[in-house]
C-alpha atoms as a PDB file:
ATOM      1  CA  UNK A   1     -12.948-140.938-167.435  1.00  0.00           C
ATOM      2  CA  UNK A   2     -15.813-142.921-168.955  1.00  0.00           C
ATOM      3  CA  UNK A   3     -18.332-141.538-171.451  1.00  0.00           C
ATOM      4  CA  UNK A   4     -21.014-140.980-168.808  1.00  0.00           C
ATOM      5  CA  UNK A   5     -18.714-138.917-166.598  1.00  0.00           C
ATOM      6  CA  UNK A   6     -17.527-136.920-169.602  1.00  0.00           C
ATOM      7  CA  UNK A   7     -21.110-136.098-170.604  1.00  0.00           C
ATOM      8  CA  UNK A   8     -21.912-134.903-167.071  1.00  0.00           C
ATOM      9  CA  UNK A   9     -18.854-132.621-167.040  1.00  0.00           C
ATOM     10  CA  UNK A  10     -19.822-131.129-170.427  1.00  0.00           C
ATOM     11  CA  UNK A  11     -23.440-130.531-169.329  1.00  0.00           C
ATOM     12  CA  UNK A  12     -22.337-128.814-166.090  1.00  0.00           C
ATOM     13  CA  UNK A  13     -19.929-126.604-168.030  1.00  0.00           C
ATOM     14  CA  UNK A  14     -22.638-125.593-170.501  1.00  0.00           C
ATOM     15  CA  UNK A  15     -25.037-124.803-167.635  1.00  0.00           C
ATOM     16  CA  UNK A  16     -22.438-122.577-165.995  1.00  0.00           C
ATOM     17  CA  UNK A  17     -21.811-120.745-169.260  1.00  0.00           C
ATOM     18  CA  UNK A  18     -25.531-120.173-169.880  1.00  0.00           C
ATOM     19  CA  UNK A  19     -25.980-118.741-166.361  1.00  0.00           C
ATOM     20  CA  UNK A  20     -23.003-116.416-166.500  1.00  0.00           C
ATOM     21  CA  UNK A  21     -24.846-113.332-167.905  1.00  0.00           C
ATOM     22  CA  UNK A  22     -26.868-112.915-164.727  1.00  0.00           C
ATOM     23  CA  UNK A  23     -28.708-115.905-163.313  1.00  0.00           C
ATOM     24  CA  UNK A  24     -27.470-114.975-159.860  1.00  0.00           C
ATOM     25  CA  UNK A  25     -28.613-111.749-158.187  1.00  0.00           C
ATOM     26  CA  UNK A  26     -30.763-110.501-161.059  1.00  0.00           C
ATOM     27  CA  UNK A  27     -32.991-107.566-160.029  1.00  0.00           C
ATOM     28  CA  UNK A  28     -36.244-106.517-161.683  1.00  0.00           C
ATOM     29  CA  UNK A  29     -38.304-103.349-161.205  1.00  0.00           C
ATOM     30  CA  UNK A  30     -41.343-101.595-162.608  1.00  0.00           C
ATOM     31  CA  UNK A  31     -42.909 -98.167-162.214  1.00  0.00           C
ATOM     32  CA  UNK A  32     -46.228 -98.110-160.371  1.00  0.00           C
ATOM     33  CA  UNK A  33     -49.185 -96.155-161.710  1.00  0.00           C
ATOM     34  CA  UNK A  34     -51.672 -94.271-159.547  1.00  0.00           C
ATOM     35  CA  UNK A  35     -54.058 -97.206-159.868  1.00  0.00           C
ATOM     36  CA  UNK A  36     -51.584 -99.798-158.568  1.00  0.00           C
ATOM     37  CA  UNK A  37     -51.966-100.853-154.940  1.00  0.00           C
ATOM     38  CA  UNK A  38     -49.028-100.488-152.567  1.00  0.00           C
ATOM     39  CA  UNK A  39     -46.970-103.594-151.852  1.00  0.00           C
ATOM     40  CA  UNK A  40     -47.836-105.173-148.508  1.00  0.00           C
ATOM     41  CA  UNK A  41     -44.747-105.690-146.336  1.00  0.00           C
ATOM     42  CA  UNK A  42     -44.310-109.326-145.290  1.00  0.00           C
ATOM     43  CA  UNK A  43     -42.379-108.676-142.059  1.00  0.00           C
ATOM     44  CA  UNK A  44     -43.051-105.064-141.034  1.00  0.00           C
ATOM     45  CA  UNK A  45     -45.111-101.986-141.828  1.00  0.00           C
ATOM     46  CA  UNK A  46     -44.675-100.195-145.146  1.00  0.00           C
ATOM     47  CA  UNK A  47     -46.498 -97.799-147.431  1.00  0.00           C
ATOM     48  CA  UNK A  48     -49.725 -99.789-147.043  1.00  0.00           C
ATOM     49  CA  UNK A  49     -49.667 -98.954-143.322  1.00  0.00           C
ATOM     50  CA  UNK A  50     -48.211 -95.456-142.991  1.00  0.00           C
ATOM     51  CA  UNK A  51     -50.147 -93.686-145.753  1.00  0.00           C
ATOM     52  CA  UNK A  52     -53.642 -94.517-144.403  1.00  0.00           C
ATOM     53  CA  UNK A  53     -52.543 -93.726-140.841  1.00  0.00           C
ATOM     54  CA  UNK A  54     -51.200 -90.309-141.831  1.00  0.00           C
ATOM     55  CA  UNK A  55     -54.247 -89.426-143.921  1.00  0.00           C
ATOM     56  CA  UNK A  56     -56.685 -90.339-141.156  1.00  0.00           C
ATOM     57  CA  UNK A  57     -54.779 -88.730-138.273  1.00  0.00           C
ATOM     58  CA  UNK A  58     -54.163 -85.468-140.155  1.00  0.00           C
ATOM     59  CA  UNK A  59     -57.786 -85.247-141.305  1.00  0.00           C
ATOM     60  CA  UNK A  60     -59.006 -85.683-137.720  1.00  0.00           C
ATOM     61  CA  UNK A  61     -56.510 -83.128-136.432  1.00  0.00           C
ATOM     62  CA  UNK A  62     -57.431 -80.485-138.989  1.00  0.00           C
ATOM     63  CA  UNK A  63     -61.147 -81.095-138.473  1.00  0.00           C
ATOM     64  CA  UNK A  64     -60.910 -80.428-134.734  1.00  0.00           C
ATOM     65  CA  UNK A  65     -58.355 -77.642-134.996  1.00  0.00           C
ATOM     66  CA  UNK A  66     -60.684 -75.536-137.132  1.00  0.00           C
ATOM     67  CA  UNK A  67     -63.127 -75.389-134.219  1.00  0.00           C
ATOM     68  CA  UNK A  68     -61.010 -75.812-131.068  1.00  0.00           C
ATOM     69  CA  UNK A  69     -57.791 -73.890-131.737  1.00  0.00           C
ATOM     70  CA  UNK A  70     -57.949 -70.211-130.780  1.00  0.00           C
ATOM     71  CA  UNK A  71     -54.402 -68.802-130.590  1.00  0.00           C
ATOM     72  CA  UNK A  72     -53.164 -67.068-133.746  1.00  0.00           C
ATOM     73  CA  UNK A  73     -49.911 -65.366-134.731  1.00  0.00           C
ATOM     74  CA  UNK A  74     -51.381 -63.053-137.311  1.00  0.00           C
ATOM     75  CA  UNK A  75     -54.313 -62.468-139.630  1.00  0.00           C
ATOM     76  CA  UNK A  76     -53.974 -62.518-143.385  1.00  0.00           C
ATOM     77  CA  UNK A  77     -55.237 -59.562-145.466  1.00  0.00           C
ATOM     78  CA  UNK A  78     -58.482 -61.394-146.150  1.00  0.00           C
ATOM     79  CA  UNK A  79     -59.163 -61.691-142.409  1.00  0.00           C
ATOM     80  CA  UNK A  80     -58.220 -65.382-142.045  1.00  0.00           C
ATOM     81  CA  UNK A  81     -56.552 -66.159-138.681  1.00  0.00           C
ATOM     82  CA  UNK A  82     -53.347 -68.158-139.109  1.00  0.00           C
ATOM     83  CA  UNK A  83     -51.593 -70.400-136.578  1.00  0.00           C
ATOM     84  CA  UNK A  84     -47.838 -70.932-136.874  1.00  0.00           C
ATOM     85  CA  UNK A  85     -46.764 -74.499-136.108  1.00  0.00           C
ATOM     86  CA  UNK A  86     -43.357 -75.896-135.170  1.00  0.00           C
ATOM     87  CA  UNK A  87     -43.263 -79.615-136.043  1.00  0.00           C
ATOM     88  CA  UNK A  88     -40.545 -81.170-133.869  1.00  0.00           C
ATOM     89  CA  UNK A  89     -40.322 -84.650-135.368  1.00  0.00           C
ATOM     90  CA  UNK A  90     -41.558 -88.236-135.425  1.00  0.00           C
ATOM     91  CA  UNK A  91     -40.932 -90.439-132.379  1.00  0.00           C
ATOM     92  CA  UNK A  92     -40.931 -94.185-132.973  1.00  0.00           C
ATOM     93  CA  UNK A  93     -41.957 -96.112-129.861  1.00  0.00           C
ATOM     94  CA  UNK A  94     -43.189 -99.178-131.724  1.00  0.00           C
ATOM     95  CA  UNK A  95     -41.604-102.617-131.590  1.00  0.00           C
ATOM     96  CA  UNK A  96     -40.083-102.388-135.070  1.00  0.00           C
ATOM     97  CA  UNK A  97     -37.697 -99.986-136.822  1.00  0.00           C
ATOM     98  CA  UNK A  98     -39.273 -97.631-139.364  1.00  0.00           C
ATOM     99  CA  UNK A  99     -36.096 -96.916-141.322  1.00  0.00           C
ATOM    100  CA  UNK A 100     -36.373 -94.338-144.075  1.00  0.00           C
ATOM    101  CA  UNK A 101     -40.143 -94.150-143.589  1.00  0.00           C
ATOM    102  CA  UNK A 102     -39.444 -91.752-140.681  1.00  0.00           C
ATOM    103  CA  UNK A 103     -38.525 -89.074-143.215  1.00  0.00           C
ATOM    104  CA  UNK A 104     -41.519 -89.927-145.410  1.00  0.00           C
ATOM    105  CA  UNK A 105     -43.900 -89.748-142.451  1.00  0.00           C
ATOM    106  CA  UNK A 106     -42.502 -86.366-141.411  1.00  0.00           C
ATOM    107  CA  UNK A 107     -42.789 -84.892-144.894  1.00  0.00           C
ATOM    108  CA  UNK A 108     -46.309 -86.222-145.505  1.00  0.00           C
ATOM    109  CA  UNK A 109     -47.619 -84.824-142.211  1.00  0.00           C
ATOM    110  CA  UNK A 110     -45.825 -81.504-142.706  1.00  0.00           C
ATOM    111  CA  UNK A 111     -47.086 -81.004-146.253  1.00  0.00           C
ATOM    112  CA  UNK A 112     -50.691 -82.049-145.534  1.00  0.00           C
ATOM    113  CA  UNK A 113     -51.071 -79.757-142.518  1.00  0.00           C
ATOM    114  CA  UNK A 114     -49.249 -76.978-144.355  1.00  0.00           C
ATOM    115  CA  UNK A 115     -51.879 -77.080-147.106  1.00  0.00           C
ATOM    116  CA  UNK A 116     -54.596 -76.038-144.641  1.00  0.00           C
ATOM    117  CA  UNK A 117     -55.497 -72.348-144.938  1.00  0.00           C
ATOM    118  CA  UNK A 118     -55.400 -71.702-141.178  1.00  0.00           C
ATOM    119  CA  UNK A 119     -51.945 -73.199-140.496  1.00  0.00           C
ATOM    120  CA  UNK A 120     -48.427 -72.147-141.451  1.00  0.00           C
ATOM    121  CA  UNK A 121     -45.660 -74.692-140.886  1.00  0.00           C
ATOM    122  CA  UNK A 122     -42.245 -73.365-139.925  1.00  0.00           C
ATOM    123  CA  UNK A 123     -39.551 -74.738-142.240  1.00  0.00           C
ATOM    124  CA  UNK A 124     -37.948 -77.904-140.970  1.00  0.00           C
ATOM    125  CA  UNK A 125     -34.528 -76.382-141.605  1.00  0.00           C
ATOM    126  CA  UNK A 126     -35.215 -73.590-139.107  1.00  0.00           C
ATOM    127  CA  UNK A 127     -36.655 -76.024-136.575  1.00  0.00           C
ATOM    128  CA  UNK A 128     -33.771 -78.509-136.682  1.00  0.00           C
ATOM    129  CA  UNK A 129     -31.169 -75.745-136.474  1.00  0.00           C
ATOM    130  CA  UNK A 130     -32.934 -74.184-133.477  1.00  0.00           C
ATOM    131  CA  UNK A 131     -33.295 -77.543-131.691  1.00  0.00           C
ATOM    132  CA  UNK A 132     -29.604 -78.248-132.219  1.00  0.00           C
ATOM    133  CA  UNK A 133     -28.765 -74.819-130.803  1.00  0.00           C
ATOM    134  CA  UNK A 134     -30.929 -75.447-127.731  1.00  0.00           C
ATOM    135  CA  UNK A 135     -29.744 -79.056-127.421  1.00  0.00           C
ATOM    136  CA  UNK A 136     -33.285 -80.247-126.815  1.00  0.00           C
ATOM    137  CA  UNK A 137     -35.136 -83.407-127.772  1.00  0.00           C
ATOM    138  CA  UNK A 138     -38.843 -83.542-128.648  1.00  0.00           C
ATOM    139  CA  UNK A 139     -39.699 -85.225-125.318  1.00  0.00           C
ATOM    140  CA  UNK A 140     -38.191 -82.283-123.391  1.00  0.00           C
ATOM    141  CA  UNK A 141     -40.338 -79.699-125.138  1.00  0.00           C
ATOM    142  CA  UNK A 142     -43.230 -80.261-122.746  1.00  0.00           C
ATOM    143  CA  UNK A 143     -41.148 -78.249-120.255  1.00  0.00           C
ATOM    144  CA  UNK A 144     -41.938 -74.513-120.375  1.00  0.00           C
ATOM    145  CA  UNK A 145     -38.257 -73.599-119.992  1.00  0.00           C
ATOM    146  CA  UNK A 146     -37.308 -75.626-123.075  1.00  0.00           C
ATOM    147  CA  UNK A 147     -40.237 -74.163-124.998  1.00  0.00           C
ATOM    148  CA  UNK A 148     -38.984 -70.662-124.216  1.00  0.00           C
ATOM    149  CA  UNK A 149     -35.465 -71.596-125.350  1.00  0.00           C
ATOM    150  CA  UNK A 150     -36.758 -72.923-128.652  1.00  0.00           C
ATOM    151  CA  UNK A 151     -39.092 -69.967-129.107  1.00  0.00           C
ATOM    152  CA  UNK A 152     -36.226 -67.535-128.506  1.00  0.00           C
ATOM    153  CA  UNK A 153     -33.988 -69.344-131.004  1.00  0.00           C
ATOM    154  CA  UNK A 154     -36.679 -69.287-133.695  1.00  0.00           C
ATOM    155  CA  UNK A 155     -37.621 -65.675-132.973  1.00  0.00           C
ATOM    156  CA  UNK A 156     -34.018 -64.707-133.728  1.00  0.00           C
ATOM    157  CA  UNK A 157     -34.623 -66.194-137.173  1.00  0.00           C
ATOM    158  CA  UNK A 158     -37.954 -64.307-137.393  1.00  0.00           C
ATOM    159  CA  UNK A 159     -39.872 -67.613-137.073  1.00  0.00           C
ATOM    160  CA  UNK A 160     -42.036 -67.400-133.912  1.00  0.00           C
ATOM    161  CA  UNK A 161     -44.633 -70.134-133.348  1.00  0.00           C
ATOM    162  CA  UNK A 162     -47.920 -70.678-131.520  1.00  0.00           C
ATOM    163  CA  UNK A 163     -47.972 -74.481-131.451  1.00  0.00           C
ATOM    164  CA  UNK A 164     -45.655 -77.434-131.136  1.00  0.00           C
ATOM    165  CA  UNK A 165     -46.638 -80.479-133.181  1.00  0.00           C
ATOM    166  CA  UNK A 166     -45.560 -83.953-132.039  1.00  0.00           C
ATOM    167  CA  UNK A 167     -46.000 -87.222-133.963  1.00  0.00           C
ATOM    168  CA  UNK A 168     -45.591 -90.564-132.215  1.00  0.00           C
ATOM    169  CA  UNK A 169     -45.780 -94.149-133.474  1.00  0.00           C
ATOM    170  CA  UNK A 170     -46.614 -97.014-131.121  1.00  0.00           C
ATOM    171  CA  UNK A 171     -47.618-100.633-131.663  1.00  0.00           C
ATOM    172  CA  UNK A 172     -49.145-103.594-129.883  1.00  0.00           C
ATOM    173  CA  UNK A 173     -48.526-107.226-130.836  1.00  0.00           C
ATOM    174  CA  UNK A 174     -50.799-110.253-130.367  1.00  0.00           C
ATOM    175  CA  UNK A 175     -49.201-113.651-131.037  1.00  0.00           C
ATOM    176  CA  UNK A 176     -50.670-117.042-131.846  1.00  0.00           C
ATOM    177  CA  UNK A 177     -47.864-119.576-132.326  1.00  0.00           C
ATOM    178  CA  UNK A 178     -45.903-118.373-135.355  1.00  0.00           C
ATOM    179  CA  UNK A 179     -48.605-115.983-136.537  1.00  0.00           C
ATOM    180  CA  UNK A 180     -49.085-112.523-135.072  1.00  0.00           C
ATOM    181  CA  UNK A 181     -51.166-109.390-135.391  1.00  0.00           C
ATOM    182  CA  UNK A 182     -49.684-105.937-134.941  1.00  0.00           C
ATOM    183  CA  UNK A 183     -51.817-102.885-134.187  1.00  0.00           C
ATOM    184  CA  UNK A 184     -50.145 -99.650-135.317  1.00  0.00           C
ATOM    185  CA  UNK A 185     -51.092 -96.312-133.764  1.00  0.00           C
ATOM    186  CA  UNK A 186     -50.067 -92.890-135.091  1.00  0.00           C
ATOM    187  CA  UNK A 187     -50.771 -90.045-132.650  1.00  0.00           C
ATOM    188  CA  UNK A 188     -50.567 -86.332-133.445  1.00  0.00           C
ATOM    189  CA  UNK A 189     -50.467 -83.831-130.595  1.00  0.00           C
ATOM    190  CA  UNK A 190     -50.798 -80.077-131.116  1.00  0.00           C
ATOM    191  CA  UNK A 191     -49.612 -78.155-128.047  1.00  0.00           C
ATOM    192  CA  UNK A 192     -50.507 -74.486-127.560  1.00  0.00           C
ATOM    193  CA  UNK A 193     -47.376 -72.926-126.059  1.00  0.00           C
ATOM    194  CA  UNK A 194     -49.355 -69.882-124.864  1.00  0.00           C
ATOM    195  CA  UNK A 195     -52.053 -71.688-122.883  1.00  0.00           C
ATOM    196  CA  UNK A 196     -50.508 -75.144-122.378  1.00  0.00           C
ATOM    197  CA  UNK A 197     -53.613 -76.814-123.803  1.00  0.00           C
ATOM    198  CA  UNK A 198     -53.142 -79.791-126.088  1.00  0.00           C
ATOM    199  CA  UNK A 199     -55.232 -81.228-128.893  1.00  0.00           C
ATOM    200  CA  UNK A 200     -54.584 -84.892-129.648  1.00  0.00           C
ATOM    201  CA  UNK A 201     -55.833 -87.130-132.449  1.00  0.00           C
ATOM    202  CA  UNK A 202     -54.791 -90.599-133.566  1.00  0.00           C
ATOM    203  CA  UNK A 203     -55.384 -93.292-136.168  1.00  0.00           C
ATOM    204  CA  UNK A 204     -54.928 -97.043-135.896  1.00  0.00           C
ATOM    205  CA  UNK A 205     -54.413 -99.857-138.387  1.00  0.00           C
ATOM    206  CA  UNK A 206     -54.258-103.615-137.753  1.00  0.00           C
ATOM    207  CA  UNK A 207     -52.089-105.950-139.787  1.00  0.00           C
ATOM    208  CA  UNK A 208     -51.726-109.737-139.673  1.00  0.00           C
ATOM    209  CA  UNK A 209     -48.438-111.554-140.333  1.00  0.00           C
ATOM    210  CA  UNK A 210     -48.457-115.263-141.213  1.00  0.00           C
ATOM    211  CA  UNK A 211     -46.032-118.020-142.119  1.00  0.00           C
ATOM    212  CA  UNK A 212     -48.468-119.222-144.788  1.00  0.00           C
ATOM    213  CA  UNK A 213     -51.852-118.435-146.351  1.00  0.00           C
ATOM    214  CA  UNK A 214     -53.362-120.991-143.994  1.00  0.00           C
ATOM    215  CA  UNK A 215     -52.558-118.680-141.090  1.00  0.00           C
ATOM    216  CA  UNK A 216     -54.611-115.913-142.673  1.00  0.00           C
ATOM    217  CA  UNK A 217     -57.490-118.331-143.256  1.00  0.00           C
ATOM    218  CA  UNK A 218     -57.283-119.751-139.720  1.00  0.00           C
ATOM    219  CA  UNK A 219     -57.284-116.418-137.905  1.00  0.00           C
ATOM    220  CA  UNK A 220     -59.347-114.201-140.200  1.00  0.00           C
ATOM    221  CA  UNK A 221     -61.430-116.623-142.265  1.00  0.00           C
ATOM    222  CA  UNK A 222     -60.092-115.528-145.669  1.00  0.00           C
END
């Protein structure tokens, strides 16, 4: 081995030793403050998409429900009529998986509507147990027979309800070569099981996906 080859071997060995503590696979993290913006997902929807959709759809729903919803289960001591709501889950009919955001979306909707004075949300634990007992999916609960089965199961747990609440996610995709725009739609539907009338509100958000910053500039001028 000549001197040049020997030097190369020594340098490669030193490089390997220096990198051993963690050059490969190193992970970094930091805690976000309330003032930090949410990370924008590069390939699919994330917090930057679902949070605004939930806030807008719930606000619209509560605004209309105060005026349009009549059925009540009981009246509180102060005279405030209260509607009892059975939230049966989040259906994803979009073109992309939502992963663990399904649970986040459910909890955000449930907690925001539950904070309204004129609504009482039935515990998710009661609802899921009753749906398992009845062997029914959310899409079957438009059938009066299935509604009666679920109502009977929840009444046995002393949890009757006036309304079924459905949440559905859909999307539409517009493509231009390798760039594309996806329009996300979150729809909330409040179904009165006594009258069969439904109140529906939705929120939409558009998001562009690009292979480079030039794609953003080309399609949206920024």
